[in-house]
PDB file of N, CA and C in Angstrom:
ATOM      1  N   UNK A   1     -29.422-121.214  67.028  1.00  0.00           N
ATOM      2  CA  UNK A   1     -28.647-120.361  67.187  1.00  0.00           C
ATOM      3  C   UNK A   1     -27.407-120.634  65.749  1.00  0.00           C
ATOM      4  N   UNK A   2     -26.790-119.734  65.376  1.00  0.00           N
ATOM      5  CA  UNK A   2     -25.957-120.058  63.837  1.00  0.00           C
ATOM      6  C   UNK A   2     -24.415-120.027  64.546  1.00  0.00           C
ATOM      7  N   UNK A   3     -23.786-121.056  63.695  1.00  0.00           N
ATOM      8  CA  UNK A   3     -22.305-120.920  64.137  1.00  0.00           C
ATOM      9  C   UNK A   3     -21.630-119.655  64.213  1.00  0.00           C
ATOM     10  N   UNK A   4     -21.836-118.614  63.489  1.00  0.00           N
ATOM     11  CA  UNK A   4     -21.081-117.553  63.391  1.00  0.00           C
ATOM     12  C   UNK A   4     -21.496-116.938  65.073  1.00  0.00           C
ATOM     13  N   UNK A   5     -22.226-117.187  65.923  1.00  0.00           N
ATOM     14  CA  UNK A   5     -22.763-116.523  67.241  1.00  0.00           C
ATOM     15  C   UNK A   5     -22.066-117.417  68.179  1.00  0.00           C
ATOM     16  N   UNK A   6     -21.149-118.731  67.658  1.00  0.00           N
ATOM     17  CA  UNK A   6     -20.202-119.177  68.661  1.00  0.00           C
ATOM     18  C   UNK A   6     -19.211-119.601  68.021  1.00  0.00           C
ATOM     19  N   UNK A   7     -17.967-119.664  69.314  1.00  0.00           N
ATOM     20  CA  UNK A   7     -16.414-120.117  68.762  1.00  0.00           C
ATOM     21  C   UNK A   7     -16.179-120.667  69.788  1.00  0.00           C
ATOM     22  N   UNK A   8     -15.510-122.051  69.296  1.00  0.00           N
ATOM     23  CA  UNK A   8     -14.848-123.110  70.416  1.00  0.00           C
ATOM     24  C   UNK A   8     -13.502-122.334  70.198  1.00  0.00           C
ATOM     25  N   UNK A   9     -12.961-121.838  71.550  1.00  0.00           N
ATOM     26  CA  UNK A   9     -11.928-121.280  71.836  1.00  0.00           C
ATOM     27  C   UNK A   9     -10.879-121.614  73.090  1.00  0.00           C
ATOM     28  N   UNK A  10      -9.391-121.764  72.533  1.00  0.00           N
ATOM     29  CA  UNK A  10      -8.571-122.547  73.579  1.00  0.00           C
ATOM     30  C   UNK A  10      -7.690-121.498  74.125  1.00  0.00           C
ATOM     31  N   UNK A  11      -7.690-121.311  75.354  1.00  0.00           N
ATOM     32  CA  UNK A  11      -6.874-120.333  76.059  1.00  0.00           C
ATOM     33  C   UNK A  11      -5.617-121.208  76.219  1.00  0.00           C
ATOM     34  N   UNK A  12      -4.556-120.192  75.839  1.00  0.00           N
ATOM     35  CA  UNK A  12      -3.107-120.732  76.849  1.00  0.00           C
ATOM     36  C   UNK A  12      -2.802-119.631  77.216  1.00  0.00           C
ATOM     37  N   UNK A  13      -2.038-119.941  78.243  1.00  0.00           N
ATOM     38  CA  UNK A  13      -1.255-118.641  78.936  1.00  0.00           C
ATOM     39  C   UNK A  13       0.614-118.869  78.542  1.00  0.00           C
ATOM     40  N   UNK A  14       1.054-117.685  78.691  1.00  0.00           N
ATOM     41  CA  UNK A  14       2.609-117.567  78.415  1.00  0.00           C
ATOM     42  C   UNK A  14       3.033-118.197  79.457  1.00  0.00           C
ATOM     43  N   UNK A  15       4.648-118.805  79.114  1.00  0.00           N
ATOM     44  CA  UNK A  15       5.554-119.182  79.954  1.00  0.00           C
ATOM     45  C   UNK A  15       6.465-118.059  80.392  1.00  0.00           C
ATOM     46  N   UNK A  16       6.545-116.943  79.936  1.00  0.00           N
ATOM     47  CA  UNK A  16       6.952-116.205  80.098  1.00  0.00           C
ATOM     48  C   UNK A  16       6.822-115.085  80.965  1.00  0.00           C
ATOM     49  N   UNK A  17       5.799-114.559  80.813  1.00  0.00           N
ATOM     50  CA  UNK A  17       5.066-113.361  81.634  1.00  0.00           C
ATOM     51  C   UNK A  17       3.641-113.840  82.230  1.00  0.00           C
ATOM     52  N   UNK A  18       3.588-113.362  83.379  1.00  0.00           N
ATOM     53  CA  UNK A  18       2.539-113.821  84.324  1.00  0.00           C
ATOM     54  C   UNK A  18       1.117-113.062  83.524  1.00  0.00           C
ATOM     55  N   UNK A  19       0.156-113.575  83.854  1.00  0.00           N
ATOM     56  CA  UNK A  19      -1.146-113.030  83.250  1.00  0.00           C
ATOM     57  C   UNK A  19      -1.367-112.733  82.015  1.00  0.00           C
ATOM     58  N   UNK A  20      -0.436-113.205  81.098  1.00  0.00           N
ATOM     59  CA  UNK A  20      -0.360-113.051  79.546  1.00  0.00           C
ATOM     60  C   UNK A  20      -1.256-114.000  78.885  1.00  0.00           C
ATOM     61  N   UNK A  21      -2.236-114.015  78.009  1.00  0.00           N
ATOM     62  CA  UNK A  21      -3.181-114.962  77.765  1.00  0.00           C
ATOM     63  C   UNK A  21      -3.236-114.870  76.056  1.00  0.00           C
ATOM     64  N   UNK A  22      -3.349-115.705  75.765  1.00  0.00           N
ATOM     65  CA  UNK A  22      -3.595-115.926  73.954  1.00  0.00           C
ATOM     66  C   UNK A  22      -5.454-116.892  73.986  1.00  0.00           C
ATOM     67  N   UNK A  23      -5.964-116.392  73.571  1.00  0.00           N
ATOM     68  CA  UNK A  23      -7.341-116.809  72.932  1.00  0.00           C
ATOM     69  C   UNK A  23      -7.072-117.238  71.340  1.00  0.00           C
ATOM     70  N   UNK A  24      -7.369-118.344  71.474  1.00  0.00           N
ATOM     71  CA  UNK A  24      -7.208-118.959  70.115  1.00  0.00           C
ATOM     72  C   UNK A  24      -8.335-119.588  69.503  1.00  0.00           C
ATOM     73  N   UNK A  25      -8.700-119.987  68.263  1.00  0.00           N
ATOM     74  CA  UNK A  25      -9.675-120.880  67.473  1.00  0.00           C
ATOM     75  C   UNK A  25      -9.091-122.491  67.716  1.00  0.00           C
ATOM     76  N   UNK A  26     -10.244-122.791  68.345  1.00  0.00           N
ATOM     77  CA  UNK A  26      -9.549-124.165  68.872  1.00  0.00           C
ATOM     78  C   UNK A  26      -9.118-125.151  67.262  1.00  0.00           C
ATOM     79  N   UNK A  27      -9.417-124.643  66.262  1.00  0.00           N
ATOM     80  CA  UNK A  27      -9.182-125.597  65.514  1.00  0.00           C
ATOM     81  C   UNK A  27      -8.041-125.350  64.698  1.00  0.00           C
ATOM     82  N   UNK A  28      -7.712-123.686  64.466  1.00  0.00           N
ATOM     83  CA  UNK A  28      -6.586-123.382  63.994  1.00  0.00           C
ATOM     84  C   UNK A  28      -5.241-123.291  65.099  1.00  0.00           C
ATOM     85  N   UNK A  29      -5.520-123.024  66.251  1.00  0.00           N
ATOM     86  CA  UNK A  29      -4.303-123.258  66.939  1.00  0.00           C
ATOM     87  C   UNK A  29      -3.471-122.048  67.165  1.00  0.00           C
ATOM     88  N   UNK A  30      -2.191-121.995  67.203  1.00  0.00           N
ATOM     89  CA  UNK A  30      -0.764-121.050  67.119  1.00  0.00           C
ATOM     90  C   UNK A  30      -0.678-120.719  65.957  1.00  0.00           C
ATOM     91  N   UNK A  31      -1.384-121.677  64.823  1.00  0.00           N
ATOM     92  CA  UNK A  31      -0.819-121.211  63.611  1.00  0.00           C
ATOM     93  C   UNK A  31      -0.896-119.768  63.178  1.00  0.00           C
ATOM     94  N   UNK A  32      -1.779-118.854  63.575  1.00  0.00           N
ATOM     95  CA  UNK A  32      -2.355-117.902  63.202  1.00  0.00           C
ATOM     96  C   UNK A  32      -1.078-116.413  63.409  1.00  0.00           C
ATOM     97  N   UNK A  33      -0.440-117.096  64.984  1.00  0.00           N
ATOM     98  CA  UNK A  33      -0.051-116.065  66.099  1.00  0.00           C
ATOM     99  C   UNK A  33       1.305-115.438  65.062  1.00  0.00           C
ATOM    100  N   UNK A  34       1.650-114.432  64.963  1.00  0.00           N
ATOM    101  CA  UNK A  34       3.068-114.122  64.282  1.00  0.00           C
ATOM    102  C   UNK A  34       4.080-114.812  64.639  1.00  0.00           C
ATOM    103  N   UNK A  35       5.649-114.741  64.115  1.00  0.00           N
ATOM    104  CA  UNK A  35       6.526-115.438  64.613  1.00  0.00           C
ATOM    105  C   UNK A  35       6.955-114.681  66.010  1.00  0.00           C
ATOM    106  N   UNK A  36       6.936-113.215  66.033  1.00  0.00           N
ATOM    107  CA  UNK A  36       7.627-112.300  66.774  1.00  0.00           C
ATOM    108  C   UNK A  36       6.447-112.784  68.195  1.00  0.00           C
ATOM    109  N   UNK A  37       5.726-112.529  68.024  1.00  0.00           N
ATOM    110  CA  UNK A  37       4.631-112.779  69.067  1.00  0.00           C
ATOM    111  C   UNK A  37       4.850-113.831  69.621  1.00  0.00           C
ATOM    112  N   UNK A  38       5.009-115.209  69.018  1.00  0.00           N
ATOM    113  CA  UNK A  38       5.255-116.626  69.505  1.00  0.00           C
ATOM    114  C   UNK A  38       6.400-116.382  70.525  1.00  0.00           C
ATOM    115  N   UNK A  39       7.659-115.652  69.805  1.00  0.00           N
ATOM    116  CA  UNK A  39       9.083-115.842  70.491  1.00  0.00           C
ATOM    117  C   UNK A  39       8.717-115.174  71.757  1.00  0.00           C
ATOM    118  N   UNK A  40       8.101-113.872  72.122  1.00  0.00           N
ATOM    119  CA  UNK A  40       7.735-113.071  73.375  1.00  0.00           C
ATOM    120  C   UNK A  40       6.816-113.768  74.287  1.00  0.00           C
ATOM    121  N   UNK A  41       6.090-114.689  73.856  1.00  0.00           N
ATOM    122  CA  UNK A  41       4.836-115.587  74.585  1.00  0.00           C
ATOM    123  C   UNK A  41       5.741-116.453  75.400  1.00  0.00           C
ATOM    124  N   UNK A  42       6.868-116.958  74.281  1.00  0.00           N
ATOM    125  CA  UNK A  42       7.299-118.625  74.961  1.00  0.00           C
ATOM    126  C   UNK A  42       6.033-119.614  74.750  1.00  0.00           C
ATOM    127  N   UNK A  43       6.617-120.822  75.504  1.00  0.00           N
ATOM    128  CA  UNK A  43       5.684-122.179  75.505  1.00  0.00           C
ATOM    129  C   UNK A  43       4.063-121.680  75.716  1.00  0.00           C
ATOM    130  N   UNK A  44       3.226-122.102  74.870  1.00  0.00           N
ATOM    131  CA  UNK A  44       2.194-121.831  75.686  1.00  0.00           C
ATOM    132  C   UNK A  44       1.732-122.888  76.299  1.00  0.00           C
ATOM    133  N   UNK A  45       1.078-122.382  77.610  1.00  0.00           N
ATOM    134  CA  UNK A  45       0.465-123.666  78.444  1.00  0.00           C
ATOM    135  C   UNK A  45      -0.851-123.574  78.408  1.00  0.00           C
ATOM    136  N   UNK A  46      -1.520-124.856  78.102  1.00  0.00           N
ATOM    137  CA  UNK A  46      -2.888-124.808  77.708  1.00  0.00           C
ATOM    138  C   UNK A  46      -3.655-124.516  79.482  1.00  0.00           C
ATOM    139  N   UNK A  47      -4.691-123.449  79.284  1.00  0.00           N
ATOM    140  CA  UNK A  47      -5.518-123.389  80.691  1.00  0.00           C
ATOM    141  C   UNK A  47      -6.760-124.131  80.392  1.00  0.00           C
ATOM    142  N   UNK A  48      -7.653-123.737  79.367  1.00  0.00           N
ATOM    143  CA  UNK A  48      -9.088-124.205  79.458  1.00  0.00           C
ATOM    144  C   UNK A  48      -9.616-123.972  77.831  1.00  0.00           C
ATOM    145  N   UNK A  49     -10.634-124.811  77.499  1.00  0.00           N
ATOM    146  CA  UNK A  49     -11.135-124.857  76.512  1.00  0.00           C
ATOM    147  C   UNK A  49     -12.509-124.113  76.858  1.00  0.00           C
ATOM    148  N   UNK A  50     -12.943-123.099  75.726  1.00  0.00           N
ATOM    149  CA  UNK A  50     -14.740-122.485  76.063  1.00  0.00           C
ATOM    150  C   UNK A  50     -15.160-122.498  74.846  1.00  0.00           C
ATOM    151  N   UNK A  51     -16.598-122.630  74.966  1.00  0.00           N
ATOM    152  CA  UNK A  51     -17.429-122.278  73.930  1.00  0.00           C
ATOM    153  C   UNK A  51     -17.953-120.762  74.104  1.00  0.00           C
ATOM    154  N   UNK A  52     -17.390-119.822  73.289  1.00  0.00           N
ATOM    155  CA  UNK A  52     -17.544-118.394  73.456  1.00  0.00           C
ATOM    156  C   UNK A  52     -18.703-118.173  72.822  1.00  0.00           C
ATOM    157  N   UNK A  53     -19.650-117.688  73.420  1.00  0.00           N
ATOM    158  CA  UNK A  53     -20.941-116.975  72.646  1.00  0.00           C
ATOM    159  C   UNK A  53     -21.161-115.809  73.369  1.00  0.00           C
ATOM    160  N   UNK A  54     -21.766-114.695  72.413  1.00  0.00           N
ATOM    161  CA  UNK A  54     -22.043-112.834  72.717  1.00  0.00           C
ATOM    162  C   UNK A  54     -22.610-112.785  74.228  1.00  0.00           C
ATOM    163  N   UNK A  55     -23.391-114.058  74.385  1.00  0.00           N
ATOM    164  CA  UNK A  55     -24.419-113.403  75.449  1.00  0.00           C
ATOM    165  C   UNK A  55     -23.614-114.202  76.953  1.00  0.00           C
ATOM    166  N   UNK A  56     -22.868-115.124  77.010  1.00  0.00           N
ATOM    167  CA  UNK A  56     -21.692-115.149  77.924  1.00  0.00           C
ATOM    168  C   UNK A  56     -20.547-114.761  78.228  1.00  0.00           C
ATOM    169  N   UNK A  57     -20.530-113.750  79.326  1.00  0.00           N
ATOM    170  CA  UNK A  57     -19.262-113.126  79.432  1.00  0.00           C
ATOM    171  C   UNK A  57     -18.134-113.521  80.048  1.00  0.00           C
ATOM    172  N   UNK A  58     -16.999-112.954  79.719  1.00  0.00           N
ATOM    173  CA  UNK A  58     -15.791-113.421  80.280  1.00  0.00           C
ATOM    174  C   UNK A  58     -15.430-112.533  81.538  1.00  0.00           C
ATOM    175  N   UNK A  59     -14.334-113.070  82.111  1.00  0.00           N
ATOM    176  CA  UNK A  59     -14.026-112.323  83.306  1.00  0.00           C
ATOM    177  C   UNK A  59     -13.553-110.641  82.850  1.00  0.00           C
ATOM    178  N   UNK A  60     -12.268-110.739  82.269  1.00  0.00           N
ATOM    179  CA  UNK A  60     -11.595-109.208  82.015  1.00  0.00           C
ATOM    180  C   UNK A  60     -11.836-108.686  80.912  1.00  0.00           C
ATOM    181  N   UNK A  61     -12.572-109.461  79.797  1.00  0.00           N
ATOM    182  CA  UNK A  61     -12.324-108.810  78.575  1.00  0.00           C
ATOM    183  C   UNK A  61     -13.588-109.008  77.914  1.00  0.00           C
ATOM    184  N   UNK A  62     -14.041-108.520  76.896  1.00  0.00           N
ATOM    185  CA  UNK A  62     -15.554-108.545  76.330  1.00  0.00           C
ATOM    186  C   UNK A  62     -15.402-109.664  75.163  1.00  0.00           C
ATOM    187  N   UNK A  63     -16.284-110.451  75.571  1.00  0.00           N
ATOM    188  CA  UNK A  63     -16.051-111.609  74.644  1.00  0.00           C
ATOM    189  C   UNK A  63     -16.663-111.204  73.574  1.00  0.00           C
ATOM    190  N   UNK A  64     -17.413-109.864  72.986  1.00  0.00           N
ATOM    191  CA  UNK A  64     -17.696-109.604  71.764  1.00  0.00           C
ATOM    192  C   UNK A  64     -16.195-109.283  70.571  1.00  0.00           C
ATOM    193  N   UNK A  65     -15.513-108.756  71.631  1.00  0.00           N
ATOM    194  CA  UNK A  65     -14.336-107.942  70.741  1.00  0.00           C
ATOM    195  C   UNK A  65     -13.104-109.128  70.879  1.00  0.00           C
ATOM    196  N   UNK A  66     -13.195-110.421  71.669  1.00  0.00           N
ATOM    197  CA  UNK A  66     -12.376-111.561  71.802  1.00  0.00           C
ATOM    198  C   UNK A  66     -12.858-112.316  70.418  1.00  0.00           C
ATOM    199  N   UNK A  67     -13.969-112.723  70.215  1.00  0.00           N
ATOM    200  CA  UNK A  67     -14.509-113.172  69.283  1.00  0.00           C
ATOM    201  C   UNK A  67     -14.175-112.744  67.895  1.00  0.00           C
ATOM    202  N   UNK A  68     -14.380-111.558  67.649  1.00  0.00           N
ATOM    203  CA  UNK A  68     -14.134-110.827  66.629  1.00  0.00           C
ATOM    204  C   UNK A  68     -12.421-110.674  66.122  1.00  0.00           C
ATOM    205  N   UNK A  69     -11.581-110.734  67.156  1.00  0.00           N
ATOM    206  CA  UNK A  69     -10.420-110.428  67.013  1.00  0.00           C
ATOM    207  C   UNK A  69     -10.123-111.911  66.635  1.00  0.00           C
ATOM    208  N   UNK A  70     -10.750-113.274  67.017  1.00  0.00           N
ATOM    209  CA  UNK A  70     -10.281-114.537  66.581  1.00  0.00           C
ATOM    210  C   UNK A  70     -10.393-114.988  65.136  1.00  0.00           C
ATOM    211  N   UNK A  71     -11.786-114.022  64.768  1.00  0.00           N
ATOM    212  CA  UNK A  71     -12.092-114.543  63.340  1.00  0.00           C
ATOM    213  C   UNK A  71     -11.307-113.627  62.626  1.00  0.00           C
ATOM    214  N   UNK A  72     -11.184-112.535  62.784  1.00  0.00           N
ATOM    215  CA  UNK A  72     -10.248-111.505  62.027  1.00  0.00           C
ATOM    216  C   UNK A  72      -8.925-111.869  61.844  1.00  0.00           C
ATOM    217  N   UNK A  73      -8.120-112.144  62.884  1.00  0.00           N
ATOM    218  CA  UNK A  73      -6.792-112.545  62.942  1.00  0.00           C
ATOM    219  C   UNK A  73      -6.239-113.576  63.436  1.00  0.00           C
ATOM    220  N   UNK A  74      -7.366-114.410  63.886  1.00  0.00           N
ATOM    221  CA  UNK A  74      -7.085-115.808  64.217  1.00  0.00           C
ATOM    222  C   UNK A  74      -6.496-115.839  65.733  1.00  0.00           C
ATOM    223  N   UNK A  75      -6.382-114.877  66.512  1.00  0.00           N
ATOM    224  CA  UNK A  75      -6.168-115.193  68.145  1.00  0.00           C
ATOM    225  C   UNK A  75      -6.701-113.319  68.671  1.00  0.00           C
ATOM    226  N   UNK A  76      -6.477-113.768  69.817  1.00  0.00           N
ATOM    227  CA  UNK A  76      -6.514-112.651  70.884  1.00  0.00           C
ATOM    228  C   UNK A  76      -5.705-112.411  71.916  1.00  0.00           C
ATOM    229  N   UNK A  77      -5.262-111.563  72.193  1.00  0.00           N
ATOM    230  CA  UNK A  77      -3.868-111.314  72.999  1.00  0.00           C
ATOM    231  C   UNK A  77      -4.507-110.328  74.487  1.00  0.00           C
ATOM    232  N   UNK A  78      -4.544-111.310  75.316  1.00  0.00           N
ATOM    233  CA  UNK A  78      -4.542-110.366  76.834  1.00  0.00           C
ATOM    234  C   UNK A  78      -3.663-110.249  77.391  1.00  0.00           C
ATOM    235  N   UNK A  79      -3.347-108.988  77.759  1.00  0.00           N
ATOM    236  CA  UNK A  79      -2.097-108.528  78.320  1.00  0.00           C
ATOM    237  C   UNK A  79      -2.482-108.533  79.570  1.00  0.00           C
ATOM    238  N   UNK A  80      -1.321-108.791  80.672  1.00  0.00           N
ATOM    239  CA  UNK A  80      -1.472-108.644  82.260  1.00  0.00           C
ATOM    240  C   UNK A  80      -2.115-107.286  82.672  1.00  0.00           C
ATOM    241  N   UNK A  81      -2.931-107.139  83.663  1.00  0.00           N
ATOM    242  CA  UNK A  81      -3.581-106.304  83.980  1.00  0.00           C
ATOM    243  C   UNK A  81      -2.451-105.270  84.654  1.00  0.00           C
ATOM    244  N   UNK A  82      -2.793-103.617  84.381  1.00  0.00           N
ATOM    245  CA  UNK A  82      -1.839-102.859  85.021  1.00  0.00           C
ATOM    246  C   UNK A  82      -1.801-102.828  86.586  1.00  0.00           C
ATOM    247  N   UNK A  83      -0.758-102.667  87.150  1.00  0.00           N
ATOM    248  CA  UNK A  83      -0.266-102.754  88.670  1.00  0.00           C
ATOM    249  C   UNK A  83      -1.136-101.368  88.895  1.00  0.00           C
ATOM    250  N   UNK A  84      -2.063-101.600  90.251  1.00  0.00           N
ATOM    251  CA  UNK A  84      -2.385-100.805  90.870  1.00  0.00           C
ATOM    252  C   UNK A  84      -1.663-100.335  91.782  1.00  0.00           C
ATOM    253  N   UNK A  85      -1.475 -98.940  91.765  1.00  0.00           N
ATOM    254  CA  UNK A  85      -0.334 -98.404  92.739  1.00  0.00           C
ATOM    255  C   UNK A  85      -0.922 -98.631  94.439  1.00  0.00           C
ATOM    256  N   UNK A  86      -2.149 -98.413  94.595  1.00  0.00           N
ATOM    257  CA  UNK A  86      -3.035 -98.579  95.904  1.00  0.00           C
ATOM    258  C   UNK A  86      -2.726-100.087  96.494  1.00  0.00           C
ATOM    259  N   UNK A  87      -2.883-100.809  95.732  1.00  0.00           N
ATOM    260  CA  UNK A  87      -2.646-102.253  95.613  1.00  0.00           C
ATOM    261  C   UNK A  87      -1.106-102.758  96.235  1.00  0.00           C
ATOM    262  N   UNK A  88      -0.047-102.156  95.592  1.00  0.00           N
ATOM    263  CA  UNK A  88       1.158-102.245  95.897  1.00  0.00           C
ATOM    264  C   UNK A  88       1.888-101.843  97.220  1.00  0.00           C
ATOM    265  N   UNK A  89       0.774-100.629  97.852  1.00  0.00           N
ATOM    266  CA  UNK A  89       0.792-100.239  98.984  1.00  0.00           C
ATOM    267  C   UNK A  89       0.521-101.261  99.997  1.00  0.00           C
ATOM    268  N   UNK A  90      -0.139-102.460  99.836  1.00  0.00           N
ATOM    269  CA  UNK A  90      -0.481-103.425 100.786  1.00  0.00           C
ATOM    270  C   UNK A  90       0.429-104.198 101.392  1.00  0.00           C
ATOM    271  N   UNK A  91       1.959-104.162 100.394  1.00  0.00           N
ATOM    272  CA  UNK A  91       2.804-105.168 100.500  1.00  0.00           C
ATOM    273  C   UNK A  91       4.153-104.316 101.012  1.00  0.00           C
ATOM    274  N   UNK A  92       3.973-103.281 101.018  1.00  0.00           N
ATOM    275  CA  UNK A  92       5.108-102.539 101.547  1.00  0.00           C
ATOM    276  C   UNK A  92       5.161-102.270 103.013  1.00  0.00           C
ATOM    277  N   UNK A  93       6.147-102.213 103.596  1.00  0.00           N
ATOM    278  CA  UNK A  93       6.206-102.129 105.144  1.00  0.00           C
ATOM    279  C   UNK A  93       5.941-100.572 105.320  1.00  0.00           C
ATOM    280  N   UNK A  94       5.265-100.430 106.455  1.00  0.00           N
ATOM    281  CA  UNK A  94       5.315 -99.047 106.918  1.00  0.00           C
ATOM    282  C   UNK A  94       6.152 -98.225 107.522  1.00  0.00           C
ATOM    283  N   UNK A  95       7.201 -99.116 108.045  1.00  0.00           N
ATOM    284  CA  UNK A  95       8.468 -98.498 108.648  1.00  0.00           C
ATOM    285  C   UNK A  95       9.631 -97.999 107.639  1.00  0.00           C
ATOM    286  N   UNK A  96       9.383 -97.915 106.226  1.00  0.00           N
ATOM    287  CA  UNK A  96      10.204 -97.724 105.322  1.00  0.00           C
ATOM    288  C   UNK A  96       9.954 -96.110 104.772  1.00  0.00           C
TER     289      UNK A  96
END
């Protein structure tokens, strides 16, 4: 397997927004992240380090897209999933 088919990735979460994550090249860290995004993201909180490979899927995002974004721009931003209106119904009182 050649090195272009693998990438050591550091995943950090935002201190400001729930379920917002940055996937970073472990060797480069936060350096490629634009200042404006860094300010909105807040303090990066380390989550885990992974060896990304195309044949090993990720839970919410396409691993190939993540790897391509990291190689092209130095990071991949995973936004929080959209709020599901049906799930919100589970937490509302029926007598309202």
